[in-house]
């Protein structure tokens, strides 16, 4: 399989060089969705995936392009993402052997910060986002068809390939699991939860592409959005189903924006009331009612309890690479951390939780500001879609920790956020109506930047 991986990496690396920058990043997301990250090329002690080879080629191309470098401008979100990367690397340096840190954090940065930077370099208008999403839409439709096929027939074409991964995998990895008579689709991710949640990440952006001009690509926006919903459902994962309910609910509020604030406050007050009158913590109640398909909702709530109970053990530098030892408390032989916030603490201590929350808070705050500054319906709809992603995932991350393809997808979206909010913050706001700014722009600028 190494030869196959090398061939795939070569083909997509060529695409990274010949396609337009936005389409090249879209091709990277396509590769991310359709080819397993765990099929790698081994180079000594290094395990290099096709995705990492391609992102290196992409970044080298962008860094050597003077025009793209000159158009890059720093943002507050860039600062916090960079600070978070520094924390994630520095804590590892303090707690793990240097050789391990070099390999592990090198791969981590390629999957996160480099993907973020790639999106930052290429987006200079909403048209760039549309170009990128054309490729992603095709990938999502293919992935959803695969998921529905797996779910209904039980044939999982990628499951057998897990034996080619160079590292030890769980004895249950790739095992065919069923719920309510349907097989849980794994796709190229090898994990049903990751497979389902990947669709929830891209759904808001795919739904926004309905702002294409009438024609085939506008139709593809609706087809892609439906495919994302069906793909998430094919995973038969409660986390994915929660995501695919929460994200569309946030998107639907775009038509009733005045309901958003009352609903948000109602949710917060409901949690407080439940905490006071219930004999359980409010997150136990939330976990119970969000468990659509059965599964270990109690386990997710118990992990939060254990993190609070053992706070003194992990708050400074996490567990320094060791298993927290919480497994026996939840009937497992190892600790499965099913909460993004708790996982940040287990790996990086309280500092990891703080910088992660600051990244998301900064992104959400910038998105809200950009939404208010934009005056075109298309731009407002875009920032509403991105805001829906962020708000929905603040809840979803309470029951799932992102790994595998979900990490690069998250930082890809954050890169899109950082680039597009700068368009709204520009001295001549490029997301305002063209007629209001035309007297201050040259014809070339109007053609490229106004909507």
Foldseek 3Di string as FASTA:
>chain_A
DLVVQVVVLVVLLVVLVPPALLQNLLSLVLCQLAAAQLQFHDDPPATHGSSLSNLVSNVVVLVPDPVLVVPQDDDPLNVLVVVLLVLLLVLLVVQHDPVCSVRPSVVVCSLFVSLLVSLQSRDQAVVSLLSSVVSVLVSLLVLLVLLVCCFQPVDAVQLVVNVNRPDDDDPCQSPFDDFPNTTQHCHSHSASLQQLVVLLLCLLSLCLSCPPDPDDSVVSSVVSNVSSLSRNVSNLALLSPLSSVQLVVLLVCVVVVVVVVVVVVVVVVVQVVCCVPPPDHSQLVVLVVSRPGDDPSVLLVVLVVVCVVCLVCQQASAVSPDFPPCQVVVVHPGDDHFAQLSVLRNHGHVVSNVSVVVSLVVLLVLLVVLLVLADDPSSVSSSSSLNSSSVSVVVSRSGGHDDRSRNSSVSNSSSNSRNQSVCSVDPQRLRYALVVRVVVDDPVCSVPRHD
